[in-house]
C-alpha atoms as a PDB file:
ATOM      1  CA  GLN A   1      -0.174  -0.161   0.380  1.00  0.00           C
ATOM      2  CA  VAL A   2       0.474   3.337  -0.288  1.00  0.00           C
ATOM      3  CA  GLN A   3      -0.133   6.968   0.510  1.00  0.00           C
ATOM      4  CA  LEU A   4       0.304  10.119  -1.523  1.00  0.00           C
ATOM      5  CA  VAL A   5       0.920  14.108  -0.892  1.00  0.00           C
ATOM      6  CA  GLU A   6       0.600  16.301  -3.345  1.00  0.00           C
ATOM      7  CA  SER A   7       2.166  19.497  -1.972  1.00  0.00           C
ATOM      8  CA  GLY A   8       3.415  22.698  -4.131  1.00  0.00           C
ATOM      9  CA  GLY A   9       0.111  24.388  -6.264  1.00  0.00           C
ATOM     10  CA  GLY A  10      -0.624  27.813  -5.914  1.00  0.00           C
ATOM     11  CA  LEU A  11      -1.419  30.840  -8.027  1.00  0.00           C
ATOM     12  CA  VAL A  12       0.108  30.852 -11.536  1.00  0.00           C
ATOM     13  CA  GLN A  13       0.858  33.529 -14.362  1.00  0.00           C
ATOM     14  CA  ALA A  14      -0.298  32.269 -17.038  1.00  0.00           C
ATOM     15  CA  GLY A  15       3.406  32.036 -19.661  1.00  0.00           C
ATOM     16  CA  GLY A  16       5.040  31.404 -16.026  1.00  0.00           C
ATOM     17  CA  SER A  17       6.287  27.868 -14.592  1.00  0.00           C
ATOM     18  CA  HIS A  18       5.321  25.789 -12.232  1.00  0.00           C
ATOM     19  CA  ARG A  19       6.492  22.312 -10.083  1.00  0.00           C
ATOM     20  CA  LEU A  20       4.443  19.717  -8.436  1.00  0.00           C
ATOM     21  CA  SER A  21       5.535  17.242  -5.667  1.00  0.00           C
ATOM     22  CA  CYS A  22       3.635  14.146  -5.053  1.00  0.00           C
ATOM     23  CA  ALA A  23       5.598  12.672  -1.633  1.00  0.00           C
ATOM     24  CA  ALA A  24       4.877   8.824  -1.021  1.00  0.00           C
ATOM     25  CA  SER A  25       5.169   6.478   1.536  1.00  0.00           C
ATOM     26  CA  GLY A  26       5.932   2.688   1.905  1.00  0.00           C
ATOM     27  CA  ARG A  27       9.083  -0.066   1.596  1.00  0.00           C
ATOM     28  CA  THR A  28       7.132  -0.642  -2.710  1.00  0.00           C
ATOM     29  CA  PHE A  29       6.522   3.088  -3.965  1.00  0.00           C
ATOM     30  CA  SER A  30       9.629   1.871  -6.860  1.00  0.00           C
ATOM     31  CA  SER A  31       7.418  -0.857  -7.987  1.00  0.00           C
ATOM     32  CA  TYR A  32       4.494   1.257  -8.502  1.00  0.00           C
ATOM     33  CA  VAL A  33       3.856   3.397 -12.347  1.00  0.00           C
ATOM     34  CA  MET A  34       2.628   6.329 -11.035  1.00  0.00           C
ATOM     35  CA  ALA A  35       0.949   9.545 -12.479  1.00  0.00           C
ATOM     36  CA  TRP A  36      -0.778  12.746 -12.380  1.00  0.00           C
ATOM     37  CA  PHE A  37      -4.780  13.890 -13.527  1.00  0.00           C
ATOM     38  CA  ARG A  38      -6.220  16.706 -13.726  1.00  0.00           C
ATOM     39  CA  GLN A  39     -10.282  18.196 -12.243  1.00  0.00           C
ATOM     40  CA  ALA A  40     -11.281  21.950 -13.567  1.00  0.00           C
ATOM     41  CA  PRO A  41     -14.795  23.154 -11.842  1.00  0.00           C
ATOM     42  CA  GLY A  42     -17.173  20.645 -14.047  1.00  0.00           C
ATOM     43  CA  LYS A  43     -15.466  18.737 -15.550  1.00  0.00           C
ATOM     44  CA  GLU A  44     -14.677  15.054 -15.612  1.00  0.00           C
ATOM     45  CA  ARG A  45     -10.950  14.557 -14.045  1.00  0.00           C
ATOM     46  CA  GLU A  46      -8.790  14.040 -16.615  1.00  0.00           C
ATOM     47  CA  PHE A  47      -5.631  12.158 -16.748  1.00  0.00           C
ATOM     48  CA  VAL A  48      -2.442  14.458 -17.224  1.00  0.00           C
ATOM     49  CA  ALA A  49       1.228  12.415 -17.014  1.00  0.00           C
ATOM     50  CA  ALA A  50       2.662   8.973 -16.423  1.00  0.00           C
ATOM     51  CA  ILE A  51       5.873   7.226 -16.037  1.00  0.00           C
ATOM     52  CA  SER A  52       7.367   3.801 -15.044  1.00  0.00           C
ATOM     53  CA  VAL A  53       8.383   2.101 -12.331  1.00  0.00           C
ATOM     54  CA  SER A  54      11.893   2.593 -13.560  1.00  0.00           C
ATOM     55  CA  GLY A  55      11.212   6.548 -14.555  1.00  0.00           C
ATOM     56  CA  ILE A  56      12.710   5.908 -17.740  1.00  0.00           C
ATOM     57  CA  SER A  57       9.803   5.301 -19.817  1.00  0.00           C
ATOM     58  CA  THR A  58       6.305   8.550 -19.621  1.00  0.00           C
ATOM     59  CA  VAL A  59       3.163   8.815 -21.455  1.00  0.00           C
ATOM     60  CA  ILE A  60       2.348  13.125 -21.731  1.00  0.00           C
ATOM     61  CA  ALA A  61      -1.410  14.149 -22.089  1.00  0.00           C
ATOM     62  CA  ALA A  62      -1.666  15.342 -25.626  1.00  0.00           C
ATOM     63  CA  THR A  63      -3.457  19.104 -23.536  1.00  0.00           C
ATOM     64  CA  VAL A  64       0.045  19.899 -21.994  1.00  0.00           C
ATOM     65  CA  LYS A  65       2.453  17.886 -24.626  1.00  0.00           C
ATOM     66  CA  GLY A  66       5.379  19.597 -25.314  1.00  0.00           C
ATOM     67  CA  ARG A  67       5.225  22.314 -22.067  1.00  0.00           C
ATOM     68  CA  PHE A  68       4.744  19.392 -19.234  1.00  0.00           C
ATOM     69  CA  THR A  69       7.167  16.831 -17.981  1.00  0.00           C
ATOM     70  CA  ILE A  70       6.876  14.071 -14.970  1.00  0.00           C
ATOM     71  CA  SER A  71       9.923  12.254 -14.196  1.00  0.00           C
ATOM     72  CA  ARG A  72      10.019  10.143 -10.370  1.00  0.00           C
ATOM     73  CA  ASP A  73      13.204   9.633  -7.941  1.00  0.00           C
ATOM     74  CA  ASN A  74      12.848   6.196  -6.258  1.00  0.00           C
ATOM     75  CA  ALA A  75      15.469   7.351  -3.899  1.00  0.00           C
ATOM     76  CA  LYS A  76      13.307   9.777  -2.770  1.00  0.00           C
ATOM     77  CA  ASN A  77       9.992   7.825  -3.113  1.00  0.00           C
ATOM     78  CA  MET A  78       8.518  11.475  -4.649  1.00  0.00           C
ATOM     79  CA  VAL A  79       6.896  11.994  -7.838  1.00  0.00           C
ATOM     80  CA  TYR A  80       7.360  15.186  -9.785  1.00  0.00           C
ATOM     81  CA  LEU A  81       5.054  17.478 -12.800  1.00  0.00           C
ATOM     82  CA  GLN A  82       7.107  20.474 -14.561  1.00  0.00           C
ATOM     83  CA  MET A  83       5.405  22.240 -15.893  1.00  0.00           C
ATOM     84  CA  ASN A  84       5.437  25.336 -18.138  1.00  0.00           C
ATOM     85  CA  SER A  85       3.864  27.491 -19.888  1.00  0.00           C
ATOM     86  CA  LEU A  86       0.450  27.554 -18.124  1.00  0.00           C
ATOM     87  CA  LYS A  87      -2.425  28.361 -19.706  1.00  0.00           C
ATOM     88  CA  PRO A  88      -5.312  30.074 -17.257  1.00  0.00           C
ATOM     89  CA  GLY A  89      -6.941  26.055 -18.764  1.00  0.00           C
ATOM     90  CA  ASP A  90      -4.219  24.930 -17.302  1.00  0.00           C
ATOM     91  CA  THR A  91      -5.826  25.557 -14.031  1.00  0.00           C
ATOM     92  CA  ALA A  92      -7.558  22.753 -12.171  1.00  0.00           C
ATOM     93  CA  VAL A  93      -7.349  20.458  -8.990  1.00  0.00           C
ATOM     94  CA  TYR A  94      -3.902  18.277  -9.735  1.00  0.00           C
ATOM     95  CA  TYR A  95      -3.709  15.049  -8.192  1.00  0.00           C
ATOM     96  CA  CYS A  96      -0.953  12.144  -7.611  1.00  0.00           C
ATOM     97  CA  ALA A  97      -2.148   7.793  -7.955  1.00  0.00           C
ATOM     98  CA  ALA A  98      -0.013   5.157  -8.280  1.00  0.00           C
ATOM     99  CA  LYS A  99      -1.084   1.872  -9.336  1.00  0.00           C
ATOM    100  CA  PRO A 100       1.937  -1.374 -10.520  1.00  0.00           C
ATOM    101  CA  PRO A 101       2.876  -1.905 -13.759  1.00  0.00           C
ATOM    102  CA  GLY A 102       0.294  -3.029 -16.492  1.00  0.00           C
ATOM    103  CA  PRO A 103       0.136  -5.012 -19.537  1.00  0.00           C
ATOM    104  CA  ASN A 104      -2.132  -1.095 -20.527  1.00  0.00           C
ATOM    105  CA  GLY A 105      -1.039   2.260 -20.776  1.00  0.00           C
ATOM    106  CA  GLY A 106      -2.058   3.906 -17.812  1.00  0.00           C
ATOM    107  CA  THR A 107      -4.183   6.968 -18.767  1.00  0.00           C
ATOM    108  CA  PHE A 108      -6.982   5.869 -17.092  1.00  0.00           C
ATOM    109  CA  SER A 109      -7.760   6.749 -13.849  1.00  0.00           C
ATOM    110  CA  GLY A 110      -9.838   3.322 -13.376  1.00  0.00           C
ATOM    111  CA  GLN A 111      -6.859   1.659 -13.787  1.00  0.00           C
ATOM    112  CA  TYR A 112      -5.059   3.267 -10.248  1.00  0.00           C
ATOM    113  CA  ASN A 113      -5.347   2.095  -6.958  1.00  0.00           C
ATOM    114  CA  TYR A 114      -3.829   5.430  -4.741  1.00  0.00           C
ATOM    115  CA  TRP A 115      -4.911   8.895  -4.529  1.00  0.00           C
ATOM    116  CA  GLY A 116      -3.372  11.700  -3.206  1.00  0.00           C
ATOM    117  CA  GLN A 117      -5.911  14.513  -2.171  1.00  0.00           C
ATOM    118  CA  GLY A 118      -5.196  16.668  -5.263  1.00  0.00           C
ATOM    119  CA  THR A 119      -3.489  20.740  -4.718  1.00  0.00           C
ATOM    120  CA  GLN A 120      -5.135  23.690  -6.411  1.00  0.00           C
ATOM    121  CA  VAL A 121      -2.894  25.294  -9.718  1.00  0.00           C
ATOM    122  CA  THR A 122      -4.571  28.107 -10.430  1.00  0.00           C
ATOM    123  CA  VAL A 123      -3.103  30.258 -13.831  1.00  0.00           C
ATOM    124  CA  SER A 124      -4.623  33.492 -14.753  1.00  0.00           C
ATOM    125  CA  SER A 125      -4.454  35.596 -17.682  1.00  0.00           C
END
C-alpha cells in the first residue's frame, strides 16, 4: 500500500512555470507506475502524465505535451510534474496517483489504486 501527498500548488501567471511534488510513503514505491491527473470545476478528471516504475518511459497527454514533464526519484519516493508555459486552461486540482505495472498504458483514472488529496493550481491571465 502507498500513501500519496501532493504539494506545490498555488497561483501562477499565464506563461509561467511551476513544479508540483508528490511524496509517497511505503517501501514499495518503486514498484508502482505513477501518474498525474487533473480536474477542473465542472469537468471530469483527466489524465496528464504517467511514468514507468524505472522512470525511463513516460506518457504525456496531448493537451500538455511539450509543456509538462513528469519525473520521479525512487530513492526519495518522490514524483514531480514540471509545468511550463502555463495557460488559464491548466487551472485545476492536480492529483497524484499510483498503480501496479500492467499491460495497459495507464491513462485511465480507473486503473489507479491510490490517490493523493489533490493540490490546486490556478493560472491567471
